[in-house]
Protein backbone atom coordinates (compact mmCIF):
# COMPACT_ATOMS: atom_id res chain seq x y z
CA MET A 1 -102.83 197.33 94.45
CA SER A 2 -104.16 193.84 93.65
CA LEU A 3 -102.70 191.68 90.89
CA MET A 4 -105.97 192.04 88.96
CA ARG A 5 -105.79 195.84 89.03
CA LEU A 6 -102.12 195.76 88.00
CA ALA A 7 -103.01 193.56 85.06
CA LEU A 8 -105.79 195.94 84.00
CA VAL A 9 -103.43 198.93 84.20
CA PHE A 10 -100.82 197.08 82.11
CA VAL A 11 -103.41 196.16 79.46
CA GLY A 12 -104.58 199.78 79.33
CA LEU A 13 -101.05 201.08 78.86
CA LEU A 14 -100.41 198.50 76.19
CA ALA A 15 -103.55 199.54 74.33
CA ILE A 16 -102.26 203.12 74.28
CA ALA A 17 -98.71 202.21 73.28
CA VAL A 18 -99.41 199.74 70.49
CA PRO A 19 -101.18 202.20 68.13
CA ALA A 20 -98.36 204.65 68.68
CA LEU A 21 -95.76 202.04 67.81
CA ALA A 22 -97.75 200.89 64.78
CA GLU A 23 -98.32 204.40 63.47
CA PRO A 24 -96.79 204.60 59.97
CA ARG A 25 -93.66 206.69 59.64
CA THR A 26 -93.17 208.88 56.59
CA MET A 27 -90.07 209.49 54.50
CA VAL A 28 -90.33 212.53 52.22
CA ILE A 29 -88.04 212.44 49.19
CA GLY A 30 -87.44 215.60 47.21
CA TYR A 31 -87.51 215.91 43.44
CA LEU A 32 -85.72 218.93 41.97
CA GLY A 33 -86.07 219.39 38.22
CA GLU A 34 -85.80 222.26 35.76
CA GLN A 35 -87.81 223.43 32.80
CA ARG A 36 -86.02 222.74 29.52
CA LYS A 37 -86.48 224.01 26.01
CA LEU A 38 -87.86 221.14 23.99
CA PRO A 39 -85.91 220.19 20.85
CA LEU A 40 -87.73 220.34 17.55
CA PRO A 41 -89.17 216.93 16.66
CA LEU A 42 -86.95 215.21 14.11
CA GLY A 43 -89.67 212.98 12.69
CA PRO A 44 -93.46 212.60 12.78
CA LEU A 45 -93.29 209.83 15.41
CA ASP A 46 -91.37 211.99 17.89
CA GLU A 47 -93.43 213.06 20.87
CA ALA A 48 -92.79 216.15 22.95
CA VAL A 49 -92.12 215.04 26.54
CA THR A 50 -92.13 217.66 29.30
CA ASP A 51 -92.22 215.39 32.35
CA ASP A 52 -89.34 213.00 31.71
CA GLY A 53 -87.61 212.16 34.95
CA LEU A 54 -90.50 213.30 37.11
CA GLN A 55 -92.75 210.44 36.07
CA GLY A 56 -90.02 207.93 36.93
CA ALA A 57 -89.76 209.39 40.42
CA ARG A 58 -93.54 209.24 40.81
CA LEU A 59 -93.65 205.57 39.88
CA ALA A 60 -90.82 204.77 42.28
CA ILE A 61 -92.48 206.55 45.20
CA ALA A 62 -95.56 204.40 44.60
CA ASP A 63 -93.34 201.31 44.56
CA ASP A 64 -91.65 202.39 47.79
CA ALA A 65 -95.01 202.95 49.43
CA GLY A 66 -96.25 199.54 48.36
CA THR A 67 -93.25 197.79 49.90
CA GLY A 68 -93.04 200.00 52.96
CA ARG A 69 -96.68 199.44 53.89
CA PHE A 70 -95.77 196.03 55.35
CA LEU A 71 -93.22 197.68 57.67
CA GLY A 72 -95.36 200.63 58.67
CA GLN A 73 -93.34 202.95 56.42
CA GLN A 74 -94.83 205.65 54.21
CA PHE A 75 -93.16 207.55 51.38
CA ARG A 76 -94.06 210.84 49.76
CA LEU A 77 -92.51 212.83 46.92
CA GLN A 78 -92.13 216.61 47.26
CA GLU A 79 -91.69 218.13 43.81
CA ARG A 80 -90.05 221.36 42.74
CA VAL A 81 -89.29 222.35 39.13
CA LEU A 82 -87.03 225.35 38.52
CA LYS A 83 -87.95 227.96 35.96
CA PRO A 84 -85.39 228.86 33.26
CA GLY A 85 -82.56 230.80 34.87
CA GLU A 86 -83.71 230.07 38.43
CA ALA A 87 -80.92 229.03 40.80
CA PRO A 88 -81.48 225.88 42.88
CA ALA A 89 -80.32 227.32 46.24
CA GLU A 90 -83.78 228.42 47.41
CA ALA A 91 -85.31 225.03 46.58
CA VAL A 92 -82.52 223.19 48.39
CA ASN A 93 -82.96 225.45 51.39
CA ALA A 94 -86.70 224.74 51.43
CA PHE A 95 -86.05 221.00 51.26
CA ALA A 96 -83.61 221.29 54.16
CA ALA A 97 -86.09 223.30 56.22
CA ALA A 98 -88.66 220.55 55.65
CA GLY A 99 -86.20 217.94 56.95
CA ILE A 100 -85.72 216.25 53.58
CA SER A 101 -82.50 214.27 53.41
CA PHE A 102 -82.70 212.67 49.95
CA VAL A 103 -83.29 214.61 46.73
CA VAL A 104 -83.54 213.42 43.12
CA ALA A 105 -81.50 216.10 41.33
CA ASP A 106 -82.86 216.04 37.77
CA LEU A 107 -80.51 218.86 36.80
CA ASP A 108 -77.87 219.73 34.26
CA ALA A 109 -74.24 219.75 35.46
CA ALA A 110 -73.95 223.43 36.37
CA GLN A 111 -77.22 223.42 38.32
CA LEU A 112 -76.28 220.16 40.03
CA LEU A 113 -73.00 221.61 41.30
CA GLN A 114 -74.81 224.70 42.57
CA ALA A 115 -77.41 222.54 44.33
CA SER A 116 -74.76 220.37 45.98
CA ALA A 117 -73.06 223.49 47.41
CA ALA A 118 -76.23 225.31 48.52
CA PRO A 119 -76.85 225.89 52.24
CA GLY A 120 -78.50 222.82 53.70
CA ALA A 121 -77.19 220.47 51.00
CA GLU A 122 -74.39 219.30 53.27
CA ARG A 123 -77.07 217.43 55.24
CA MET A 124 -78.54 215.84 52.11
CA MET A 125 -77.78 213.18 49.58
CA LEU A 126 -78.48 214.25 46.00
CA PHE A 127 -79.02 211.72 43.22
CA ASN A 128 -77.86 212.89 39.81
CA SER A 129 -80.51 211.43 37.49
CA ARG A 130 -79.85 213.59 34.43
CA ASP A 131 -76.29 214.53 33.52
CA PRO A 132 -73.79 212.00 32.10
CA ASP A 133 -70.78 214.33 32.29
CA ASP A 134 -67.69 212.37 33.32
CA SER A 135 -66.28 215.39 35.18
CA LEU A 136 -69.09 215.04 37.74
CA ARG A 137 -67.59 211.64 38.61
CA GLN A 138 -64.02 212.91 38.38
CA GLU A 139 -62.59 216.31 39.31
CA ASP A 140 -66.05 217.79 40.03
CA CYS A 141 -67.32 214.90 42.15
CA ARG A 142 -69.05 215.76 45.42
CA ARG A 143 -69.39 213.81 48.66
CA ASN A 144 -73.14 214.45 48.82
CA VAL A 145 -73.90 213.34 45.23
CA LEU A 146 -74.62 209.84 43.92
CA HIS A 147 -75.24 209.15 40.23
CA THR A 148 -78.00 206.90 38.90
CA ILE A 149 -77.70 208.09 35.29
CA PRO A 150 -74.84 206.30 33.48
CA SER A 151 -71.78 208.38 32.66
CA ARG A 152 -70.60 208.98 29.12
CA ALA A 153 -67.65 206.72 29.86
CA MET A 154 -70.02 203.89 30.80
CA LEU A 155 -72.08 204.33 27.62
CA ALA A 156 -68.99 204.49 25.40
CA ASP A 157 -67.39 201.47 27.07
CA ALA A 158 -70.58 199.46 26.68
CA LEU A 159 -70.78 200.21 22.97
CA ALA A 160 -67.06 199.58 22.46
CA GLN A 161 -67.30 196.17 24.12
CA TYR A 162 -70.13 195.17 21.81
CA LEU A 163 -68.42 196.44 18.65
CA VAL A 164 -65.15 194.72 19.57
CA TRP A 165 -67.02 191.51 20.42
CA LYS A 166 -68.55 191.70 16.93
CA GLY A 167 -65.12 192.20 15.39
CA TRP A 168 -65.98 195.73 14.20
CA GLN A 169 -62.75 197.30 15.39
CA HIS A 170 -62.11 200.00 12.77
CA TRP A 171 -64.25 203.04 13.45
CA PHE A 172 -65.15 206.21 11.63
CA LEU A 173 -65.93 208.76 14.38
CA LEU A 174 -68.24 211.58 13.28
CA THR A 175 -68.67 214.35 15.86
CA GLY A 176 -71.14 217.20 16.16
CA PRO A 177 -70.11 220.78 17.00
CA HIS A 178 -71.58 221.17 20.50
CA PRO A 179 -69.68 220.75 23.80
CA ASP A 180 -71.71 217.66 24.75
CA ASP A 181 -70.96 216.12 21.34
CA LEU A 182 -67.24 216.74 21.87
CA ALA A 183 -67.41 215.20 25.36
CA MET A 184 -69.11 212.11 23.98
CA ALA A 185 -66.47 211.85 21.25
CA ALA A 186 -63.77 211.97 23.92
CA ALA A 187 -65.48 209.10 25.72
CA PHE A 188 -65.55 207.08 22.49
CA ARG A 189 -61.82 207.69 21.96
CA ARG A 190 -61.06 206.52 25.49
CA ALA A 191 -63.22 203.42 25.03
CA ALA A 192 -61.57 202.55 21.71
CA THR A 193 -58.13 202.67 23.31
CA ARG A 194 -59.32 200.74 26.35
CA PHE A 195 -60.80 197.81 24.43
CA GLY A 196 -58.51 197.54 21.42
CA ALA A 197 -60.52 199.29 18.71
CA GLN A 198 -59.02 201.84 16.30
CA ILE A 199 -60.51 205.14 15.20
CA THR A 200 -59.09 205.04 11.69
CA ILE A 201 -61.09 208.05 10.48
CA GLU A 202 -62.31 211.03 12.46
CA LYS A 203 -64.24 213.99 11.14
CA PRO A 204 -66.37 216.84 12.49
CA TRP A 205 -69.89 217.24 11.17
CA THR A 206 -70.10 220.56 9.32
CA PHE A 207 -73.01 219.98 6.94
CA ARG A 208 -76.41 221.53 7.49
CA PRO A 209 -78.74 219.12 5.69
CA ALA A 210 -82.22 220.16 4.67
CA ASN A 211 -85.02 219.06 6.94
CA GLY A 212 -85.90 215.51 5.98
CA ARG A 213 -89.57 216.26 6.66
CA ALA A 214 -89.71 219.14 4.21
CA ASP A 215 -90.79 218.66 0.61
CA THR A 216 -87.90 216.97 -1.26
CA GLY A 217 -85.79 217.22 1.92
CA HIS A 218 -84.82 213.59 1.53
CA VAL A 219 -83.40 214.38 -1.92
CA THR A 220 -80.91 216.86 -0.45
CA LEU A 221 -79.98 214.42 2.32
CA GLN A 222 -79.47 211.74 -0.27
CA THR A 223 -76.70 213.77 -1.88
CA GLU A 224 -75.14 215.63 1.06
CA ILE A 225 -74.64 212.71 3.44
CA PRO A 226 -72.78 210.49 0.94
CA ALA A 227 -70.47 213.43 0.29
CA ALA A 228 -69.90 213.93 4.02
CA THR A 229 -69.12 210.25 4.57
CA GLN A 230 -66.93 209.60 1.51
CA VAL A 231 -63.79 209.23 3.59
CA GLY A 232 -62.37 205.73 3.04
CA ASP A 233 -63.15 202.32 4.46
CA TYR A 234 -64.14 201.40 8.03
CA ASP A 235 -66.22 198.78 9.87
CA VAL A 236 -68.74 200.99 11.66
CA LEU A 237 -69.64 204.68 11.77
CA VAL A 238 -69.70 205.86 15.39
CA VAL A 239 -71.63 209.10 15.75
CA ALA A 240 -71.38 211.58 18.66
CA ASP A 241 -74.48 213.76 18.32
CA GLU A 242 -76.03 214.29 21.74
CA ALA A 243 -77.93 217.29 20.39
CA ASP A 244 -79.71 214.88 18.00
CA GLU A 245 -79.24 217.20 15.03
CA PHE A 246 -77.92 214.89 12.32
CA GLY A 247 -77.24 211.38 13.60
CA ALA A 248 -80.69 210.02 12.75
CA TYR A 249 -80.26 211.07 9.12
CA LEU A 250 -77.17 208.90 8.57
CA GLU A 251 -78.55 205.36 8.53
CA GLY A 252 -79.08 204.19 4.94
CA ARG A 253 -77.51 207.30 3.42
CA THR A 254 -73.76 206.83 4.03
CA ALA A 255 -71.37 206.46 1.10
CA LEU A 256 -70.52 202.89 2.18
CA PRO A 257 -73.11 200.35 3.40
CA ARG A 258 -71.98 200.39 7.02
CA THR A 259 -73.71 200.21 10.39
CA VAL A 260 -74.25 203.48 12.25
CA ALA A 261 -73.86 203.28 16.04
CA GLY A 262 -73.37 205.63 18.97
CA THR A 263 -75.82 208.32 20.01
CA GLN A 264 -78.02 207.36 17.05
CA GLY A 265 -78.22 204.48 14.62
CA LEU A 266 -79.07 200.80 14.59
CA VAL A 267 -77.10 200.20 17.77
CA VAL A 268 -77.38 202.69 20.66
CA ALA A 269 -75.92 202.34 24.16
CA THR A 270 -78.37 203.55 26.79
CA GLY A 271 -79.31 203.22 30.43
CA TRP A 272 -82.88 202.31 29.51
CA SER A 273 -84.93 201.66 26.39
CA ALA A 274 -88.59 201.04 25.68
CA VAL A 275 -87.60 197.98 23.63
CA ASP A 276 -86.27 196.11 26.68
CA GLU A 277 -88.55 193.31 27.88
CA GLU A 278 -86.00 190.98 29.46
CA TRP A 279 -85.29 190.32 33.16
CA GLY A 280 -88.86 191.21 34.09
CA ALA A 281 -88.59 194.67 32.50
CA THR A 282 -91.99 194.23 30.80
CA GLN A 283 -93.85 194.70 34.07
CA LEU A 284 -91.91 197.90 34.82
CA GLN A 285 -92.54 199.17 31.30
CA ASP A 286 -96.27 198.40 31.57
CA ARG A 287 -96.66 200.05 34.97
CA PHE A 288 -94.84 203.15 33.78
CA HIS A 289 -96.91 203.37 30.60
CA LYS A 290 -100.10 203.09 32.63
CA LEU A 291 -98.96 205.93 34.90
CA ALA A 292 -97.44 208.32 32.36
CA GLY A 293 -99.21 207.42 29.10
CA ARG A 294 -95.85 207.07 27.32
CA TRP A 295 -92.75 204.88 27.33
CA MET A 296 -90.06 205.14 29.99
CA LEU A 297 -87.00 207.20 29.02
CA PRO A 298 -83.48 206.87 30.44
CA SER A 299 -84.04 209.94 32.64
CA ASP A 300 -87.23 208.36 34.01
CA TYR A 301 -85.39 205.17 34.80
CA ALA A 302 -82.55 207.03 36.52
CA ALA A 303 -85.04 208.95 38.70
CA TRP A 304 -86.83 205.68 39.44
CA LEU A 305 -83.52 204.13 40.54
CA ALA A 306 -82.82 207.05 42.86
CA VAL A 307 -86.14 206.88 44.69
CA ARG A 308 -86.14 203.10 44.77
CA SER A 309 -82.63 203.07 46.25
CA VAL A 310 -83.87 204.97 49.27
CA GLY A 311 -86.92 202.73 49.57
CA GLU A 312 -84.87 199.56 49.25
CA ALA A 313 -82.42 200.72 51.93
CA ALA A 314 -85.29 201.59 54.28
CA THR A 315 -86.82 198.17 53.72
CA ARG A 316 -83.59 196.30 54.35
CA LEU A 317 -82.78 198.31 57.46
CA HIS A 318 -86.37 198.38 58.77
CA SER A 319 -85.64 202.03 59.42
CA LEU A 320 -86.23 205.48 57.99
CA ASP A 321 -83.21 206.96 59.73
CA PRO A 322 -81.47 209.12 57.06
CA THR A 323 -77.98 208.61 58.48
CA ALA A 324 -78.34 204.83 58.50
CA ILE A 325 -79.81 204.82 54.97
CA ALA A 326 -77.04 207.03 53.58
CA LYS A 327 -74.38 204.79 55.10
CA TYR A 328 -76.09 201.65 53.80
CA LEU A 329 -76.37 203.02 50.25
CA ARG A 330 -72.60 203.44 50.11
CA SER A 331 -71.87 200.03 51.62
CA ASP A 332 -71.01 196.72 49.93
CA ASP A 333 -74.25 195.28 51.31
CA PHE A 334 -76.55 197.45 49.19
CA LEU A 335 -78.02 195.88 46.05
CA LEU A 336 -81.02 197.10 44.08
CA ALA A 337 -83.04 194.98 41.66
CA GLY A 338 -83.21 197.15 38.54
CA PHE A 339 -84.72 194.78 35.94
CA LYS A 340 -81.34 194.35 34.25
CA GLY A 341 -80.44 190.82 35.27
CA GLN A 342 -78.21 191.60 38.25
CA GLY A 343 -78.12 193.73 41.38
CA LEU A 344 -77.10 197.38 41.12
CA SER A 345 -74.84 199.16 43.60
CA PHE A 346 -72.92 202.40 44.07
CA ARG A 347 -69.17 202.64 43.52
CA PRO A 348 -67.53 203.92 46.69
CA TRP A 349 -64.87 205.97 44.88
CA ASP A 350 -67.15 208.23 42.82
CA GLY A 351 -70.76 207.49 43.74
CA GLN A 352 -71.69 206.12 40.32
CA MET A 353 -74.30 203.37 40.26
CA ARG A 354 -72.96 200.19 38.69
CA GLN A 355 -75.42 198.88 36.11
CA PRO A 356 -75.53 196.99 32.83
CA ILE A 357 -75.91 199.18 29.75
CA LEU A 358 -78.46 198.22 27.12
CA ILE A 359 -77.39 197.96 23.48
CA ALA A 360 -80.70 198.82 21.84
CA GLY A 361 -81.99 198.83 18.30
CA PRO A 362 -84.98 200.87 17.11
CA ARG A 363 -87.47 198.11 17.84
CA LEU A 364 -85.68 195.30 19.70
CA LEU A 365 -82.95 194.86 22.28
CA VAL A 366 -79.68 193.90 20.58
CA SER A 367 -77.50 193.06 23.58
CA SER A 368 -76.42 194.19 27.04
CA SER A 369 -72.95 195.10 28.26
CA PRO A 370 -70.67 194.03 29.91
CA GLN A 371 -70.09 191.58 27.07
CA PRO A 372 -68.90 188.00 27.63
CA GLY A 373 -65.16 187.76 28.14
CA PHE A 374 -64.64 191.23 29.60
CA LEU A 375 -63.57 190.46 33.16
CA HIS A 376 -62.73 192.48 36.26
CA GLN A 377 -61.27 191.66 39.68
CA ARG A 378 -64.34 193.02 41.50
CA THR A 379 -67.28 192.72 39.12
CA PRO A 380 -67.65 192.82 35.31
CA LEU A 381 -69.83 195.90 35.82
CA ASP A 382 -66.66 197.79 36.70
CA THR A 383 -65.41 197.28 33.14
CA LEU A 384 -67.87 200.07 32.29
CA GLY A 385 -66.84 203.62 33.15
CA ILE A 386 -64.15 205.14 35.36
CA ASP A 387 -62.43 202.47 37.43
CA LEU A 388 -60.94 202.97 40.91
CA GLU A 389 -57.36 203.05 39.67
CA GLU A 390 -58.04 205.82 37.14
CA SER A 391 -60.40 207.87 39.29
CA THR A 392 -59.44 211.46 40.11
CA CYS A 393 -62.40 211.92 42.44
CA LYS A 394 -61.40 213.18 45.88
CA ARG A 395 -64.49 213.35 48.08
C-alpha cells in the first residue's frame, strides 16, 4: 500500500474517531424528595412553598451543564418525590438500576436512614440537603451520606459566637414542646458551654397565644407574652422553636426590652438567607429568583450545593467517573465556591460540609460566623459544629 493510500486511510479513521471522542458524556444526578404538609402561614407575607429544595437542585444542574459544556460533559437531574407514607427503597432501587451514583436526599432523618440502607444505596453517595439532626453526623452517621445542610450544632455555634462577640453572654432560653425544638435547645446549651455564655434562665413555652392575625389577636399576645417572659434579667432571649409556632410573636412583646435570637427574632443563624448579597451572592439570588419566581431558601441552597459539588468535582477531574468523583469529594483537594467568602469542603470524619453560617436579620445581613478571634488548628470553619475530637461517628 502506497504512502498516499496509508495517509488517506489514517485520515478516514481519524474522522470517524474524533466525533466519538468529542461526543458529550452525561452524568445523571438523582433528586429524592418527599411531600410535606405545609405549615399554616404565620403572617400575610408568608408564601406557601411546595418546591423548596427541588428548585435549588434544578438551578445547580443548569450551572453544572454550563460549566461542563466546555469539557464535553452533560448533566441531567432525575427527580422523584415520595408521597406521604411512601418508603424510599423503591426509588433508590430505581436510581441504582438507572446507574445513578449521586442522589440529593431531600428527606427527613428517618427517611434518609432508610434510603441509605436500601438495596443499591451502597453503590451511591447521598447528599443530606434537608435534616439538621446532629445524630445523623454522630451515632447515626453513614458512610454513603454527605451533609450539605448545616447541623443544629453548627447553627447554634454560629449564633453563640456572635452573641459572645457582642458581649451578650447571659441568655434566657425559651424552648418549644416538639422534639425538634428540644434538639435545638440542646444544641444551644452545648454552644453556650463551648463559647463561655451562660443560660441563666431556661423555660419551656406552654402558652397558646391567640392568632395574631385574628381580630384583636394582638391584644391577647400583648398580655400573654409579657407574662410568659417575666422571669428576671438577661442579655438576650434565645428561642428554640423549629416548628415556628410562637417565636415570631416574641419580638417587641417581651417583658424586658431585649433582643430575640435563635430560630426566630432579629438575629437568626441560617445556612442561607434572601437578605445576603455579599461575596457575589446577588447573582446567585437573582438567577434563582428568575428560575423559581421566589427567593432561595436554606433547603434550596443545600440542594444546590449537593449538585454543584458533583459538577465541580467532575470539572476538576475532567472525568465523570463516579468512583473518582466520590473519592475527590472526600479529599483535602476539594473546594467549592459557595458565595460565602471562602471555599467549602467536606469533613472527613462525619461528611458534614464546612461552611460559614449567616447571621441574618429580617431585611439585612447582620454578620457571618465564624466570628473574628475564634481560631482552630485546621480552619476556623471547624469551630462550627462537631469537631473531630468529639465526634462519635464510626463510618
